[in-house]
Amino acid sequence: MAILTNEIKDALKVVGKGGSVVHLATSSVDGKTNIVAERFVTSYLDDYILIADMFAQKTKVNLNENPQAAISIAHPIGERSWVFRGPATVINIGAPSTENWYDVNYGEVLDEWGDWAAKEPPVEVPPDIAPPKVAQRGLIVLKVEEIISSKLQNSGEIL
């Protein structure tokens, strides 16, 4: 099990508020890859990453076929850059609150992060531009089993 450090948690925490963008990579059972850029991202507990599911149709299909995924982040400040690998799942809004996936309780995580866009609307949208209505459908949860550094001095090193 990999543990997210405070530095990593800090880098992930600012993403929805105009920081860096993360990329989520998945693959179908026959090996066809899909990658999407995401902004509503945070750490959860010490070894999970949460991403708001706004419209992740292909990602959800891939995760149902093949739960292995990867997330990369290249934070714009201070060479904070990593790749996270592990199994992932989707927890849909309205899922039974008593269900668990590894250490994640559906009810607890949806109570805290199930209405992300309302809690943390993007601040970088100019006030004269009305953003489209964001409808969160659930959460994508990655259990971090491996962290790989992308920093220049130790690129490729498994932390």
N, C-alpha and C. Protein backbone atom coordinates (compact mmCIF):
# COMPACT_ATOMS: atom_id res chain seq x y z
N MET A 1 0.84 -1.18 0.00
CA MET A 1 0.00 0.00 0.00
C MET A 1 0.89 1.24 0.00
N ALA A 2 0.56 2.18 -0.86
CA ALA A 2 1.27 3.45 -0.91
C ALA A 2 0.53 4.48 -0.06
N ILE A 3 1.27 5.36 0.55
CA ILE A 3 0.69 6.40 1.40
C ILE A 3 0.92 7.76 0.74
N LEU A 4 -0.15 8.54 0.64
CA LEU A 4 -0.04 9.89 0.09
C LEU A 4 0.58 10.81 1.14
N THR A 5 1.67 11.46 0.78
CA THR A 5 2.34 12.38 1.70
C THR A 5 1.56 13.68 1.79
N ASN A 6 1.90 14.50 2.77
CA ASN A 6 1.26 15.81 2.89
C ASN A 6 1.52 16.68 1.66
N GLU A 7 2.72 16.56 1.08
CA GLU A 7 3.03 17.32 -0.14
C GLU A 7 2.10 16.92 -1.28
N ILE A 8 1.86 15.61 -1.43
CA ILE A 8 0.96 15.13 -2.49
C ILE A 8 -0.47 15.58 -2.21
N LYS A 9 -0.92 15.42 -0.97
CA LYS A 9 -2.29 15.83 -0.62
C LYS A 9 -2.49 17.32 -0.89
N ASP A 10 -1.48 18.11 -0.57
CA ASP A 10 -1.56 19.55 -0.81
C ASP A 10 -1.66 19.86 -2.30
N ALA A 11 -0.89 19.16 -3.12
CA ALA A 11 -0.93 19.38 -4.57
C ALA A 11 -2.28 18.98 -5.14
N LEU A 12 -2.86 17.89 -4.64
CA LEU A 12 -4.17 17.45 -5.13
C LEU A 12 -5.29 18.36 -4.67
N LYS A 13 -5.16 18.92 -3.49
CA LYS A 13 -6.23 19.71 -2.88
C LYS A 13 -6.61 20.96 -3.68
N VAL A 14 -5.67 21.56 -4.38
CA VAL A 14 -5.95 22.82 -5.06
C VAL A 14 -6.45 22.66 -6.49
N VAL A 15 -6.58 21.45 -6.96
CA VAL A 15 -6.88 21.24 -8.37
C VAL A 15 -8.20 21.87 -8.79
N GLY A 16 -9.29 21.64 -8.06
CA GLY A 16 -10.58 22.19 -8.44
C GLY A 16 -10.66 23.69 -8.35
N LYS A 17 -9.72 24.30 -7.66
CA LYS A 17 -9.72 25.75 -7.46
C LYS A 17 -8.77 26.48 -8.41
N GLY A 18 -8.42 25.88 -9.51
CA GLY A 18 -7.62 26.58 -10.49
C GLY A 18 -6.15 26.19 -10.51
N GLY A 19 -5.79 25.13 -9.82
CA GLY A 19 -4.41 24.65 -9.83
C GLY A 19 -4.17 23.80 -11.06
N SER A 20 -3.47 22.72 -10.88
CA SER A 20 -3.14 21.86 -12.01
C SER A 20 -4.31 20.98 -12.40
N VAL A 21 -4.16 20.34 -13.52
CA VAL A 21 -5.13 19.38 -14.02
C VAL A 21 -4.52 18.00 -13.87
N VAL A 22 -5.32 17.02 -13.47
CA VAL A 22 -4.83 15.65 -13.44
C VAL A 22 -5.37 14.93 -14.67
N HIS A 23 -4.69 13.87 -15.06
CA HIS A 23 -5.14 13.03 -16.17
C HIS A 23 -5.40 11.63 -15.64
N LEU A 24 -6.57 11.11 -15.95
CA LEU A 24 -6.98 9.77 -15.53
C LEU A 24 -6.93 8.86 -16.74
N ALA A 25 -6.14 7.80 -16.65
CA ALA A 25 -6.00 6.84 -17.74
C ALA A 25 -6.64 5.52 -17.36
N THR A 26 -7.46 4.99 -18.27
CA THR A 26 -8.08 3.68 -18.09
C THR A 26 -7.88 2.90 -19.38
N SER A 27 -8.22 1.61 -19.32
CA SER A 27 -8.07 0.76 -20.49
C SER A 27 -9.21 -0.25 -20.52
N SER A 28 -9.73 -0.50 -21.72
CA SER A 28 -10.76 -1.53 -21.86
C SER A 28 -10.12 -2.90 -21.70
N VAL A 29 -10.95 -3.92 -21.64
CA VAL A 29 -10.44 -5.28 -21.46
C VAL A 29 -9.56 -5.71 -22.65
N ASP A 30 -9.81 -5.13 -23.84
CA ASP A 30 -9.00 -5.49 -25.01
C ASP A 30 -7.81 -4.55 -25.21
N GLY A 31 -7.55 -3.68 -24.22
CA GLY A 31 -6.35 -2.85 -24.24
C GLY A 31 -6.49 -1.49 -24.87
N LYS A 32 -7.68 -1.10 -25.29
CA LYS A 32 -7.87 0.23 -25.87
C LYS A 32 -7.90 1.25 -24.73
N THR A 33 -6.99 2.23 -24.81
CA THR A 33 -6.83 3.19 -23.72
C THR A 33 -7.74 4.39 -23.87
N ASN A 34 -7.98 5.04 -22.75
CA ASN A 34 -8.75 6.28 -22.69
C ASN A 34 -8.08 7.17 -21.65
N ILE A 35 -7.97 8.44 -21.94
CA ILE A 35 -7.40 9.38 -20.96
C ILE A 35 -8.25 10.64 -20.96
N VAL A 36 -8.54 11.13 -19.75
CA VAL A 36 -9.36 12.33 -19.61
C VAL A 36 -8.69 13.28 -18.62
N ALA A 37 -8.85 14.57 -18.88
CA ALA A 37 -8.35 15.60 -17.97
C ALA A 37 -9.45 15.90 -16.96
N GLU A 38 -9.08 16.02 -15.70
CA GLU A 38 -10.05 16.25 -14.62
C GLU A 38 -9.58 17.38 -13.73
N ARG A 39 -10.54 18.12 -13.13
CA ARG A 39 -10.21 19.23 -12.25
C ARG A 39 -10.72 19.06 -10.83
N PHE A 40 -11.84 18.39 -10.62
CA PHE A 40 -12.37 18.22 -9.27
C PHE A 40 -11.75 16.97 -8.67
N VAL A 41 -10.64 17.15 -7.97
CA VAL A 41 -9.83 16.04 -7.47
C VAL A 41 -9.40 16.34 -6.04
N THR A 42 -9.30 15.29 -5.22
CA THR A 42 -8.75 15.45 -3.87
C THR A 42 -8.23 14.11 -3.38
N SER A 43 -7.50 14.14 -2.29
CA SER A 43 -7.11 12.90 -1.63
C SER A 43 -8.19 12.54 -0.62
N TYR A 44 -8.22 11.26 -0.25
CA TYR A 44 -9.19 10.78 0.74
C TYR A 44 -8.48 9.74 1.58
N LEU A 45 -8.63 9.85 2.89
CA LEU A 45 -7.85 9.03 3.82
C LEU A 45 -6.38 9.20 3.44
N ASP A 46 -5.59 8.15 3.54
CA ASP A 46 -4.16 8.28 3.21
C ASP A 46 -3.76 7.58 1.92
N ASP A 47 -4.71 6.90 1.28
CA ASP A 47 -4.31 6.13 0.12
C ASP A 47 -5.38 6.06 -0.98
N TYR A 48 -6.20 7.09 -1.07
CA TYR A 48 -7.22 7.15 -2.12
C TYR A 48 -7.20 8.52 -2.78
N ILE A 49 -7.56 8.55 -4.06
CA ILE A 49 -7.76 9.79 -4.78
C ILE A 49 -9.18 9.77 -5.31
N LEU A 50 -9.90 10.88 -5.11
CA LEU A 50 -11.28 11.02 -5.57
C LEU A 50 -11.34 11.99 -6.74
N ILE A 51 -12.14 11.66 -7.73
CA ILE A 51 -12.39 12.53 -8.87
C ILE A 51 -13.90 12.60 -9.05
N ALA A 52 -14.44 13.80 -9.22
CA ALA A 52 -15.87 13.94 -9.46
C ALA A 52 -16.21 13.39 -10.84
N ASP A 53 -17.25 12.56 -10.90
CA ASP A 53 -17.74 12.02 -12.17
C ASP A 53 -18.78 12.98 -12.72
N MET A 54 -18.36 13.84 -13.63
CA MET A 54 -19.28 14.79 -14.25
C MET A 54 -19.86 14.21 -15.54
N PHE A 55 -19.02 13.57 -16.34
CA PHE A 55 -19.48 12.92 -17.56
C PHE A 55 -18.37 12.00 -18.03
N ALA A 56 -18.22 10.89 -17.37
CA ALA A 56 -17.10 9.98 -17.62
C ALA A 56 -17.60 8.66 -18.19
N GLN A 57 -18.35 8.72 -19.28
CA GLN A 57 -18.98 7.52 -19.81
C GLN A 57 -17.96 6.45 -20.20
N LYS A 58 -16.98 6.78 -21.02
CA LYS A 58 -15.99 5.79 -21.47
C LYS A 58 -15.14 5.31 -20.30
N THR A 59 -14.82 6.22 -19.38
CA THR A 59 -14.06 5.84 -18.19
C THR A 59 -14.82 4.79 -17.39
N LYS A 60 -16.11 4.99 -17.20
CA LYS A 60 -16.92 4.04 -16.43
C LYS A 60 -17.01 2.69 -17.13
N VAL A 61 -17.16 2.70 -18.44
CA VAL A 61 -17.19 1.44 -19.19
C VAL A 61 -15.87 0.70 -19.00
N ASN A 62 -14.76 1.42 -19.16
CA ASN A 62 -13.45 0.80 -18.99
C ASN A 62 -13.25 0.24 -17.59
N LEU A 63 -13.62 1.01 -16.55
CA LEU A 63 -13.42 0.54 -15.18
C LEU A 63 -14.28 -0.68 -14.86
N ASN A 64 -15.45 -0.79 -15.50
CA ASN A 64 -16.26 -1.99 -15.31
C ASN A 64 -15.60 -3.22 -15.92
N GLU A 65 -14.87 -3.02 -17.03
CA GLU A 65 -14.18 -4.12 -17.70
C GLU A 65 -12.81 -4.40 -17.08
N ASN A 66 -12.11 -3.34 -16.69
CA ASN A 66 -10.73 -3.45 -16.22
C ASN A 66 -10.51 -2.38 -15.15
N PRO A 67 -10.49 -2.74 -13.88
CA PRO A 67 -10.43 -1.73 -12.82
C PRO A 67 -9.07 -1.05 -12.63
N GLN A 68 -8.05 -1.47 -13.36
CA GLN A 68 -6.73 -0.84 -13.19
C GLN A 68 -6.71 0.52 -13.88
N ALA A 69 -6.19 1.53 -13.16
CA ALA A 69 -6.16 2.89 -13.69
C ALA A 69 -4.89 3.60 -13.23
N ALA A 70 -4.65 4.76 -13.81
CA ALA A 70 -3.52 5.60 -13.41
C ALA A 70 -3.95 7.05 -13.47
N ILE A 71 -3.40 7.84 -12.56
CA ILE A 71 -3.64 9.28 -12.53
C ILE A 71 -2.29 9.96 -12.53
N SER A 72 -2.13 10.98 -13.38
CA SER A 72 -0.89 11.76 -13.34
C SER A 72 -1.24 13.19 -12.96
N ILE A 73 -0.32 13.82 -12.25
CA ILE A 73 -0.46 15.22 -11.89
C ILE A 73 0.88 15.89 -12.12
N ALA A 74 0.84 17.06 -12.73
CA ALA A 74 2.03 17.89 -12.89
C ALA A 74 1.65 19.26 -12.36
N HIS A 75 1.85 19.47 -11.09
CA HIS A 75 1.46 20.72 -10.45
C HIS A 75 2.36 21.83 -10.94
N PRO A 76 1.80 23.02 -11.22
CA PRO A 76 2.60 24.08 -11.83
C PRO A 76 3.65 24.71 -10.93
N ILE A 77 3.62 24.43 -9.64
CA ILE A 77 4.56 25.06 -8.71
C ILE A 77 5.46 23.99 -8.08
N GLY A 78 6.74 24.19 -8.14
CA GLY A 78 7.69 23.40 -7.38
C GLY A 78 7.94 21.97 -7.82
N GLU A 79 7.85 21.68 -9.11
CA GLU A 79 8.15 20.33 -9.60
C GLU A 79 7.40 19.25 -8.84
N ARG A 80 6.16 19.47 -8.52
CA ARG A 80 5.36 18.45 -7.82
C ARG A 80 4.63 17.64 -8.89
N SER A 81 5.18 16.47 -9.18
CA SER A 81 4.73 15.70 -10.32
C SER A 81 4.82 14.20 -10.01
N TRP A 82 3.69 13.51 -10.12
CA TRP A 82 3.64 12.08 -9.79
C TRP A 82 2.67 11.35 -10.70
N VAL A 83 2.82 10.02 -10.73
CA VAL A 83 1.84 9.11 -11.33
C VAL A 83 1.39 8.18 -10.22
N PHE A 84 0.08 7.95 -10.14
CA PHE A 84 -0.52 7.07 -9.13
C PHE A 84 -1.19 5.92 -9.86
N ARG A 85 -0.95 4.69 -9.41
CA ARG A 85 -1.55 3.51 -10.05
C ARG A 85 -2.30 2.69 -9.02
N GLY A 86 -3.35 2.03 -9.49
CA GLY A 86 -4.09 1.12 -8.62
C GLY A 86 -5.47 0.84 -9.18
N PRO A 87 -6.24 0.03 -8.46
CA PRO A 87 -7.60 -0.25 -8.90
C PRO A 87 -8.49 0.96 -8.66
N ALA A 88 -9.51 1.09 -9.49
CA ALA A 88 -10.45 2.20 -9.35
C ALA A 88 -11.87 1.69 -9.52
N THR A 89 -12.80 2.45 -8.99
CA THR A 89 -14.22 2.14 -9.12
C THR A 89 -15.01 3.43 -9.23
N VAL A 90 -16.27 3.29 -9.57
CA VAL A 90 -17.18 4.43 -9.63
C VAL A 90 -18.26 4.23 -8.57
N ILE A 91 -18.48 5.25 -7.77
CA ILE A 91 -19.57 5.24 -6.79
C ILE A 91 -20.60 6.25 -7.29
N ASN A 92 -21.75 5.76 -7.69
CA ASN A 92 -22.80 6.62 -8.24
C ASN A 92 -23.60 7.30 -7.15
N ILE A 93 -24.04 8.52 -7.42
CA ILE A 93 -24.96 9.21 -6.51
C ILE A 93 -26.16 8.29 -6.31
N GLY A 94 -26.58 8.11 -5.07
CA GLY A 94 -27.71 7.24 -4.77
C GLY A 94 -27.32 5.80 -4.48
N ALA A 95 -26.02 5.49 -4.53
CA ALA A 95 -25.57 4.13 -4.19
C ALA A 95 -25.90 3.84 -2.73
N PRO A 96 -26.12 2.56 -2.38
CA PRO A 96 -26.44 2.22 -0.99
C PRO A 96 -25.36 2.72 -0.03
N SER A 97 -25.77 3.47 0.97
CA SER A 97 -24.81 4.11 1.89
C SER A 97 -24.07 3.12 2.77
N THR A 98 -24.53 1.88 2.84
CA THR A 98 -23.88 0.89 3.70
C THR A 98 -22.80 0.09 2.96
N GLU A 99 -22.70 0.25 1.64
CA GLU A 99 -21.70 -0.50 0.89
C GLU A 99 -20.31 0.08 1.09
N ASN A 100 -19.31 -0.79 0.94
CA ASN A 100 -17.90 -0.40 1.05
C ASN A 100 -17.14 -0.91 -0.15
N TRP A 101 -16.09 -0.19 -0.52
CA TRP A 101 -15.10 -0.63 -1.50
C TRP A 101 -13.76 -0.40 -0.82
N TYR A 102 -13.04 -1.48 -0.53
CA TYR A 102 -11.85 -1.41 0.31
C TYR A 102 -12.22 -0.67 1.60
N ASP A 103 -11.53 0.42 1.94
CA ASP A 103 -11.82 1.17 3.18
C ASP A 103 -12.80 2.32 2.96
N VAL A 104 -13.36 2.45 1.79
CA VAL A 104 -14.22 3.58 1.46
C VAL A 104 -15.68 3.19 1.65
N ASN A 105 -16.37 3.88 2.55
CA ASN A 105 -17.80 3.69 2.75
C ASN A 105 -18.55 4.63 1.81
N TYR A 106 -19.44 4.07 1.01
CA TYR A 106 -20.17 4.85 0.00
C TYR A 106 -20.88 6.04 0.63
N GLY A 107 -21.61 5.80 1.72
CA GLY A 107 -22.38 6.88 2.35
C GLY A 107 -21.50 8.02 2.83
N GLU A 108 -20.39 7.68 3.50
CA GLU A 108 -19.50 8.72 4.02
C GLU A 108 -18.87 9.55 2.91
N VAL A 109 -18.37 8.88 1.89
CA VAL A 109 -17.67 9.60 0.82
C VAL A 109 -18.66 10.44 -0.01
N LEU A 110 -19.87 9.93 -0.23
CA LEU A 110 -20.86 10.71 -0.98
C LEU A 110 -21.38 11.89 -0.16
N ASP A 111 -21.52 11.71 1.16
CA ASP A 111 -21.95 12.83 2.00
C ASP A 111 -20.94 13.97 1.93
N GLU A 112 -19.65 13.60 1.93
CA GLU A 112 -18.60 14.62 1.94
C GLU A 112 -18.34 15.21 0.56
N TRP A 113 -18.35 14.37 -0.48
CA TRP A 113 -17.91 14.82 -1.80
C TRP A 113 -18.95 14.63 -2.91
N GLY A 114 -20.19 14.28 -2.58
CA GLY A 114 -21.20 14.00 -3.60
C GLY A 114 -21.77 15.20 -4.32
N ASP A 115 -21.52 16.41 -3.82
CA ASP A 115 -22.01 17.62 -4.48
C ASP A 115 -20.85 18.62 -4.60
N TRP A 116 -19.80 18.16 -5.22
CA TRP A 116 -18.53 18.87 -5.29
C TRP A 116 -18.65 20.23 -5.97
N ALA A 117 -19.31 20.28 -7.11
CA ALA A 117 -19.37 21.52 -7.88
C ALA A 117 -20.05 22.64 -7.09
N ALA A 118 -21.04 22.29 -6.28
CA ALA A 118 -21.71 23.30 -5.46
C ALA A 118 -20.80 23.78 -4.33
N LYS A 119 -19.99 22.86 -3.78
CA LYS A 119 -19.10 23.20 -2.67
C LYS A 119 -17.87 23.97 -3.14
N GLU A 120 -17.34 23.60 -4.29
CA GLU A 120 -16.09 24.19 -4.78
C GLU A 120 -16.22 24.59 -6.25
N PRO A 121 -17.06 25.59 -6.57
CA PRO A 121 -17.15 25.99 -7.98
C PRO A 121 -15.82 26.55 -8.46
N PRO A 122 -15.47 26.29 -9.72
CA PRO A 122 -14.19 26.82 -10.22
C PRO A 122 -14.14 28.34 -10.08
N VAL A 123 -13.03 28.86 -9.56
CA VAL A 123 -12.92 30.30 -9.34
C VAL A 123 -12.30 31.02 -10.54
N GLU A 124 -11.76 30.28 -11.49
CA GLU A 124 -11.08 30.94 -12.59
C GLU A 124 -12.01 31.30 -13.75
N VAL A 125 -13.31 30.99 -13.67
CA VAL A 125 -14.26 31.33 -14.73
C VAL A 125 -14.59 32.82 -14.63
N PRO A 126 -14.39 33.58 -15.72
CA PRO A 126 -14.71 35.01 -15.68
C PRO A 126 -16.17 35.23 -15.32
N PRO A 127 -16.47 36.29 -14.55
CA PRO A 127 -17.84 36.50 -14.07
C PRO A 127 -18.85 36.77 -15.18
N ASP A 128 -18.40 37.23 -16.35
CA ASP A 128 -19.34 37.52 -17.44
C ASP A 128 -19.65 36.29 -18.29
N ILE A 129 -19.05 35.16 -17.97
CA ILE A 129 -19.30 33.92 -18.71
C ILE A 129 -20.03 32.96 -17.79
N ALA A 130 -21.22 32.58 -18.18
CA ALA A 130 -21.98 31.63 -17.36
C ALA A 130 -21.53 30.22 -17.71
N PRO A 131 -20.93 29.50 -16.75
CA PRO A 131 -20.50 28.13 -17.05
C PRO A 131 -21.71 27.23 -17.24
N PRO A 132 -21.56 26.15 -17.99
CA PRO A 132 -22.67 25.22 -18.14
C PRO A 132 -23.01 24.59 -16.79
N LYS A 133 -24.26 24.19 -16.64
CA LYS A 133 -24.67 23.56 -15.39
C LYS A 133 -23.91 22.25 -15.25
N VAL A 134 -23.23 22.13 -14.15
CA VAL A 134 -22.44 20.93 -13.89
C VAL A 134 -23.30 19.95 -13.11
N ALA A 135 -23.40 18.73 -13.60
CA ALA A 135 -24.18 17.71 -12.91
C ALA A 135 -23.25 16.57 -12.52
N GLN A 136 -22.98 16.45 -11.24
CA GLN A 136 -22.12 15.38 -10.77
C GLN A 136 -22.93 14.09 -10.67
N ARG A 137 -22.41 13.03 -11.27
CA ARG A 137 -23.10 11.75 -11.29
C ARG A 137 -22.58 10.79 -10.22
N GLY A 138 -21.45 11.11 -9.65
CA GLY A 138 -20.85 10.24 -8.64
C GLY A 138 -19.39 10.57 -8.45
N LEU A 139 -18.64 9.58 -7.98
CA LEU A 139 -17.21 9.75 -7.73
C LEU A 139 -16.43 8.59 -8.34
N ILE A 140 -15.29 8.91 -8.90
CA ILE A 140 -14.33 7.89 -9.31
C ILE A 140 -13.31 7.82 -8.19
N VAL A 141 -13.06 6.62 -7.69
CA VAL A 141 -12.17 6.42 -6.55
C VAL A 141 -11.01 5.53 -6.99
N LEU A 142 -9.78 6.02 -6.82
CA LEU A 142 -8.58 5.23 -7.10
C LEU A 142 -7.93 4.86 -5.79
N LYS A 143 -7.70 3.57 -5.56
CA LYS A 143 -6.93 3.11 -4.41
C LYS A 143 -5.47 3.14 -4.83
N VAL A 144 -4.70 4.01 -4.23
CA VAL A 144 -3.31 4.20 -4.63
C VAL A 144 -2.46 3.04 -4.10
N GLU A 145 -1.97 2.22 -5.03
CA GLU A 145 -1.09 1.11 -4.67
C GLU A 145 0.36 1.40 -5.02
N GLU A 146 0.57 2.35 -5.93
CA GLU A 146 1.93 2.68 -6.37
C GLU A 146 1.99 4.17 -6.70
N ILE A 147 3.05 4.81 -6.23
CA ILE A 147 3.30 6.22 -6.54
C ILE A 147 4.65 6.28 -7.24
N ILE A 148 4.68 6.90 -8.41
CA ILE A 148 5.90 7.02 -9.18
C ILE A 148 6.23 8.50 -9.32
N SER A 149 7.45 8.86 -8.97
CA SER A 149 7.89 10.25 -9.06
C SER A 149 8.16 10.63 -10.51
N SER A 150 7.78 11.84 -10.87
CA SER A 150 8.12 12.39 -12.18
C SER A 150 9.03 13.60 -12.05
N LYS A 151 9.56 13.82 -10.84
CA LYS A 151 10.48 14.94 -10.63
C LYS A 151 11.79 14.66 -11.35
N LEU A 152 12.44 15.70 -11.81
CA LEU A 152 13.67 15.53 -12.59
C LEU A 152 14.73 14.71 -11.86
N GLN A 153 14.94 14.98 -10.57
CA GLN A 153 16.03 14.33 -9.85
C GLN A 153 15.77 12.85 -9.56
N ASN A 154 14.51 12.40 -9.58
CA ASN A 154 14.25 10.98 -9.31
C ASN A 154 13.11 10.45 -10.17
N SER A 155 13.07 10.85 -11.43
CA SER A 155 12.02 10.44 -12.35
C SER A 155 11.98 8.93 -12.50
N GLY A 156 10.78 8.37 -12.39
CA GLY A 156 10.60 6.93 -12.52
C GLY A 156 10.75 6.15 -11.24
N GLU A 157 11.20 6.79 -10.19
CA GLU A 157 11.40 6.11 -8.91
C GLU A 157 10.05 5.81 -8.26
N ILE A 158 9.87 4.57 -7.80
CA ILE A 158 8.66 4.19 -7.08
C ILE A 158 8.84 4.60 -5.63
N LEU A 159 7.92 5.41 -5.15
CA LEU A 159 8.02 5.93 -3.79
C LEU A 159 7.36 5.00 -2.79
